[in-house]
Amino acid sequence: MMLPKPLVPARRVAAWLLALLTLGMGGAALADPTLAPFSGAAPGAPPSSWHVVDYFHGRKPLTRFDIVALDGQQVLRVETDRSYATLLHPLPPAPPAAGTRLRWRWRLDRPLLDTDLQRKSGDDGPLKVCAMFDLPLDKLGFFERNKVRAMRATSDDPLPSATLCYVWDHALPVGTVLRNAFTGTVRIVVVNSGEQRLGQWIAQEHDLDADFLRAFGPDVSSVPPLVGIAVIADADNTQGHSLGYVGDISLGP
């Protein structure tokens, strides 16, 4: 899986980069970073704090992200159609405070039936909520380290060096933790699986520190600065079509 390029004005990217330089990558723990809620947004485009990014420069269809009314509340509608995109909410870089929980609720109405997260040809997901971190590059392997450096040198996009994705998968059991089929900078935790709860809202709550250290294993001994939260959905490898919804996402004790 690749992280995409922003479809946003350059001033927004510049502002985020300035925040990185101003705050530094090793600042104090961010106790309660605020994510713009979907529930308070008007129908249509997501709140401006969230923006769509696309590293494929238009060569693939973009996953659609829209605010819609459902079950009495405004939520994020996420639809793939042989597509890929990330909806990103940048955060001032700081390590999450000890015990920080990532919370949200989601609902999957149309799954992807041909996924296989252990193979590149099946590396898709209808719903993913991902935490993006700035892991020191010396913690990456030689190939991944130089790949990140090269991409940062040739792009205006802030590029995380470690991403932890919570995924609704079709086949793998809940609790599965694995490395992304394309890159070791992305690790996956399966938190819902199968079709038994399609069309139902499911609440999720996860300990970022514990899950990051478990997913990245012996490669790291501490949690690096958190730099963003993203909703990702892709069906470009399996050529599928999915539909799901995500409620407000929050970070806190």
Protein backbone atom coordinates (compact mmCIF):
# COMPACT_ATOMS: atom_id res chain seq x y z
CA MET A 1 0.00 0.00 0.00
CA MET A 2 1.23 3.47 -0.87
CA LEU A 3 0.36 6.71 0.85
CA PRO A 4 -1.17 9.20 -1.56
CA LYS A 5 -0.48 12.74 -2.74
CA PRO A 6 -2.67 15.58 -1.47
CA LEU A 7 -5.33 17.10 -3.68
CA VAL A 8 -5.13 20.29 -1.61
CA PRO A 9 -3.74 23.80 -2.02
CA ALA A 10 0.00 24.10 -1.55
CA ARG A 11 -0.56 26.53 1.34
CA ARG A 12 -2.16 23.75 3.41
CA VAL A 13 0.79 21.44 2.86
CA ALA A 14 3.18 24.30 3.62
CA ALA A 15 1.34 25.03 6.87
CA TRP A 16 1.68 21.42 7.97
CA LEU A 17 5.37 21.33 7.10
CA LEU A 18 5.85 24.55 9.07
CA ALA A 19 4.16 22.88 12.03
CA LEU A 20 6.60 19.99 11.75
CA LEU A 21 9.55 22.36 11.84
CA THR A 22 8.13 24.53 14.60
CA LEU A 23 7.05 21.78 16.95
CA GLY A 24 9.83 19.35 16.16
CA MET A 25 9.53 15.60 15.97
CA GLY A 26 10.31 14.93 19.61
CA GLY A 27 7.95 17.31 21.42
CA ALA A 28 5.94 16.70 24.56
CA ALA A 29 3.19 14.12 24.47
CA LEU A 30 -0.02 15.37 22.92
CA ALA A 31 -2.62 14.51 25.52
CA ASP A 32 -5.84 15.25 23.60
CA PRO A 33 -5.36 16.00 19.90
CA THR A 34 -8.63 17.11 18.32
CA LEU A 35 -9.97 15.63 15.09
CA ALA A 36 -12.66 17.55 13.21
CA PRO A 37 -15.92 15.59 13.68
CA PHE A 38 -17.97 14.36 10.76
CA SER A 39 -21.17 14.75 12.79
CA GLY A 40 -20.95 18.55 12.74
CA ALA A 41 -20.29 18.87 9.02
CA ALA A 42 -22.75 19.86 6.30
CA PRO A 43 -23.64 17.24 3.68
CA GLY A 44 -21.09 17.03 0.87
CA ALA A 45 -17.35 17.36 1.23
CA PRO A 46 -15.69 16.33 4.52
CA PRO A 47 -14.58 19.09 6.94
CA SER A 48 -11.64 21.11 5.63
CA SER A 49 -9.28 19.67 8.26
CA TRP A 50 -9.62 16.40 6.34
CA HIS A 51 -8.33 16.22 2.78
CA VAL A 52 -8.03 13.60 0.06
CA VAL A 53 -4.58 12.53 -1.10
CA ASP A 54 -3.59 10.54 -4.21
CA TYR A 55 -0.10 9.30 -5.03
CA PHE A 56 -1.19 7.85 -8.35
CA HIS A 57 -1.61 11.30 -9.94
CA GLY A 58 -4.99 10.46 -11.43
CA ARG A 59 -3.92 7.15 -12.94
CA LYS A 60 -6.47 5.31 -10.79
CA PRO A 61 -10.01 6.25 -9.79
CA LEU A 62 -10.31 7.92 -6.40
CA THR A 63 -12.27 6.42 -3.56
CA ARG A 64 -15.21 8.70 -2.73
CA PHE A 65 -15.54 10.35 0.68
CA ASP A 66 -18.74 12.31 1.39
CA ILE A 67 -20.65 13.51 4.42
CA VAL A 68 -24.20 12.11 4.43
CA ALA A 69 -27.08 11.78 6.88
CA LEU A 70 -27.59 8.22 8.12
CA ASP A 71 -29.43 6.91 11.16
CA GLY A 72 -30.07 10.44 12.40
CA GLN A 73 -26.49 11.71 12.24
CA GLN A 74 -23.98 13.07 9.78
CA VAL A 75 -21.34 10.44 8.98
CA LEU A 76 -18.59 9.83 6.44
CA ARG A 77 -19.67 7.75 3.44
CA VAL A 78 -16.78 5.72 1.96
CA GLU A 79 -17.22 4.09 -1.46
CA THR A 80 -14.60 2.27 -3.52
CA ASP A 81 -14.97 1.30 -7.17
CA ARG A 82 -11.67 -0.20 -8.36
CA SER A 83 -10.22 2.86 -6.64
CA TYR A 84 -7.73 4.07 -4.05
CA ALA A 85 -7.53 7.16 -1.85
CA THR A 86 -6.76 8.37 1.65
CA LEU A 87 -8.70 10.95 3.64
CA LEU A 88 -6.09 12.50 5.91
CA HIS A 89 -6.31 14.65 9.03
CA PRO A 90 -2.82 16.01 9.91
CA LEU A 91 -1.90 16.51 13.56
CA PRO A 92 0.88 18.50 15.23
CA PRO A 93 3.64 15.93 15.65
CA ALA A 94 3.95 14.61 19.20
CA PRO A 95 4.04 11.17 20.81
CA PRO A 96 0.58 10.11 21.99
CA ALA A 97 0.20 10.34 25.75
CA ALA A 98 0.43 7.04 27.59
CA GLY A 99 -2.87 5.21 27.38
CA THR A 100 -4.20 7.23 24.44
CA ARG A 101 -7.16 5.47 22.87
CA LEU A 102 -8.24 5.75 19.24
CA ARG A 103 -12.04 5.54 19.03
CA TRP A 104 -14.57 5.48 16.22
CA ARG A 105 -17.58 3.59 14.93
CA TRP A 106 -18.12 2.22 11.47
CA ARG A 107 -20.58 0.26 9.38
CA LEU A 108 -19.88 -1.84 6.29
CA ASP A 109 -22.76 -2.37 3.85
CA ARG A 110 -20.95 -3.80 0.84
CA PRO A 111 -17.72 -5.77 1.47
CA LEU A 112 -14.83 -6.70 -0.79
CA LEU A 113 -14.97 -10.46 -1.29
CA ASP A 114 -11.64 -11.11 -3.01
CA THR A 115 -9.18 -9.53 -0.60
CA ASP A 116 -6.06 -11.33 0.61
CA LEU A 117 -3.96 -9.01 2.73
CA GLN A 118 -1.04 -11.42 2.61
CA ARG A 119 -0.62 -10.95 -1.16
CA LYS A 120 -0.11 -7.84 -3.30
CA SER A 121 -2.89 -8.91 -5.66
CA GLY A 122 -5.38 -8.95 -2.77
CA ASP A 123 -4.12 -5.98 -0.74
CA ASP A 124 -7.37 -3.99 -0.52
CA GLY A 125 -9.74 -2.98 2.25
CA PRO A 126 -13.21 -1.41 2.29
CA LEU A 127 -12.65 0.40 5.59
CA LYS A 128 -9.39 1.31 7.32
CA VAL A 129 -8.69 3.78 10.11
CA CYS A 130 -4.96 4.46 10.24
CA ALA A 131 -2.58 6.26 12.60
CA MET A 132 0.50 7.78 10.98
CA PHE A 133 3.79 8.21 12.83
CA ASP A 134 7.22 9.73 12.28
CA LEU A 135 9.43 6.76 13.11
CA PRO A 136 13.17 7.58 13.04
CA LEU A 137 14.51 6.35 9.72
CA ASP A 138 17.32 4.40 11.36
CA LYS A 139 14.62 2.08 12.73
CA LEU A 140 13.70 1.04 9.19
CA GLY A 141 15.47 -1.49 7.04
CA PHE A 142 17.93 -0.30 4.41
CA PHE A 143 15.49 -0.55 1.50
CA GLU A 144 12.54 1.05 3.32
CA ARG A 145 14.71 3.80 4.79
CA ASN A 146 16.04 4.87 1.42
CA LYS A 147 12.63 4.57 -0.21
CA VAL A 148 11.15 6.99 2.33
CA ARG A 149 14.07 9.40 1.88
CA ALA A 150 13.69 9.35 -1.89
CA MET A 151 9.95 9.96 -1.74
CA ARG A 152 10.36 12.81 0.73
CA ALA A 153 13.02 14.42 -1.43
CA THR A 154 10.86 14.41 -4.54
CA SER A 155 7.46 15.24 -3.06
CA ASP A 156 5.80 18.14 -1.29
CA ASP A 157 3.74 15.67 0.70
CA PRO A 158 4.40 15.00 4.39
CA LEU A 159 5.17 11.28 4.32
CA PRO A 160 4.91 9.16 7.48
CA SER A 161 7.58 6.57 8.03
CA ALA A 162 5.28 4.23 9.98
CA THR A 163 1.54 3.66 9.60
CA LEU A 164 -0.70 1.47 11.74
CA CYS A 165 -3.99 0.52 10.05
CA TYR A 166 -7.06 -0.98 11.71
CA VAL A 167 -8.92 -2.87 8.99
CA TRP A 168 -12.26 -4.53 8.28
CA ASP A 169 -11.20 -7.57 6.26
CA HIS A 170 -13.25 -10.28 4.58
CA ALA A 171 -11.26 -13.39 5.48
CA LEU A 172 -8.56 -12.98 8.15
CA PRO A 173 -9.63 -13.51 11.77
CA VAL A 174 -10.00 -10.62 14.18
CA GLY A 175 -6.72 -10.00 15.98
CA THR A 176 -4.51 -10.78 12.99
CA VAL A 177 -1.46 -8.50 12.85
CA LEU A 178 0.66 -8.45 9.73
CA ARG A 179 3.00 -6.45 7.58
CA ASN A 180 1.55 -4.79 4.50
CA ALA A 181 2.21 -6.79 1.32
CA PHE A 182 3.84 -3.81 -0.39
CA THR A 183 5.83 -2.09 2.36
CA GLY A 184 7.16 -2.71 5.85
CA THR A 185 6.35 0.87 6.85
CA VAL A 186 2.67 -0.13 7.09
CA ARG A 187 1.35 -2.68 9.59
CA ILE A 188 -2.21 -4.00 9.72
CA VAL A 189 -4.48 -5.04 12.58
CA VAL A 190 -7.73 -6.81 11.64
CA VAL A 191 -10.49 -5.59 13.98
CA ASN A 192 -13.57 -6.80 12.07
CA SER A 193 -13.89 -9.72 9.70
CA GLY A 194 -16.46 -11.33 7.45
CA GLU A 195 -20.07 -10.50 6.66
CA GLN A 196 -21.87 -11.39 9.89
CA ARG A 197 -22.32 -7.76 10.96
CA LEU A 198 -22.90 -6.02 7.64
CA GLY A 199 -25.19 -3.00 7.93
CA GLN A 200 -24.58 -2.65 11.67
CA TRP A 201 -22.71 0.11 13.48
CA ILE A 202 -19.73 -1.27 15.39
CA ALA A 203 -17.80 0.74 17.97
CA GLN A 204 -14.02 0.44 18.02
CA GLU A 205 -11.56 1.46 20.74
CA HIS A 206 -7.84 0.69 20.64
CA ASP A 207 -4.71 1.48 22.66
CA LEU A 208 -2.35 3.21 20.21
CA ASP A 209 0.82 2.64 22.23
CA ALA A 210 0.23 -1.05 22.79
CA ASP A 211 -0.91 -1.73 19.24
CA PHE A 212 1.98 0.18 17.66
CA LEU A 213 4.58 -1.68 19.70
CA ARG A 214 2.89 -5.02 19.02
CA ALA A 215 2.63 -4.39 15.26
CA PHE A 216 6.15 -3.06 14.76
CA GLY A 217 7.59 -5.62 17.14
CA PRO A 218 11.27 -5.74 18.05
CA ASP A 219 12.11 -3.05 15.48
CA VAL A 220 11.09 -0.30 17.93
CA SER A 221 11.05 0.14 21.70
CA SER A 222 9.03 3.37 22.01
CA VAL A 223 6.15 5.05 20.19
CA PRO A 224 7.26 7.86 17.84
CA PRO A 225 5.40 11.14 17.22
CA LEU A 226 1.90 10.80 15.84
CA VAL A 227 1.49 13.05 12.78
CA GLY A 228 -1.95 12.20 11.40
CA ILE A 229 -5.07 10.07 11.35
CA ALA A 230 -6.51 8.77 8.07
CA VAL A 231 -9.49 6.92 6.69
CA ILE A 232 -8.37 4.71 3.80
CA ALA A 233 -10.35 2.49 1.44
CA ASP A 234 -9.02 0.78 -1.67
CA ALA A 235 -10.19 -1.75 -4.24
CA ASP A 236 -7.61 -1.14 -6.97
CA ASN A 237 -5.89 -4.53 -6.69
CA THR A 238 -9.02 -6.70 -6.57
CA GLN A 239 -11.04 -4.44 -8.90
CA GLY A 240 -13.94 -4.52 -6.45
CA HIS A 241 -16.69 -2.19 -5.23
CA SER A 242 -17.44 -1.52 -1.56
CA LEU A 243 -19.55 0.80 0.54
CA GLY A 244 -19.18 1.71 4.18
CA TYR A 245 -19.61 4.52 6.70
CA VAL A 246 -17.45 5.97 9.47
CA GLY A 247 -18.60 8.04 12.43
CA ASP A 248 -16.57 10.56 14.39
CA ILE A 249 -12.97 9.57 15.19
CA SER A 250 -11.40 10.69 18.46
CA LEU A 251 -8.18 10.43 20.42
CA GLY A 252 -8.10 10.60 24.20
CA PRO A 253 -7.58 8.81 27.50
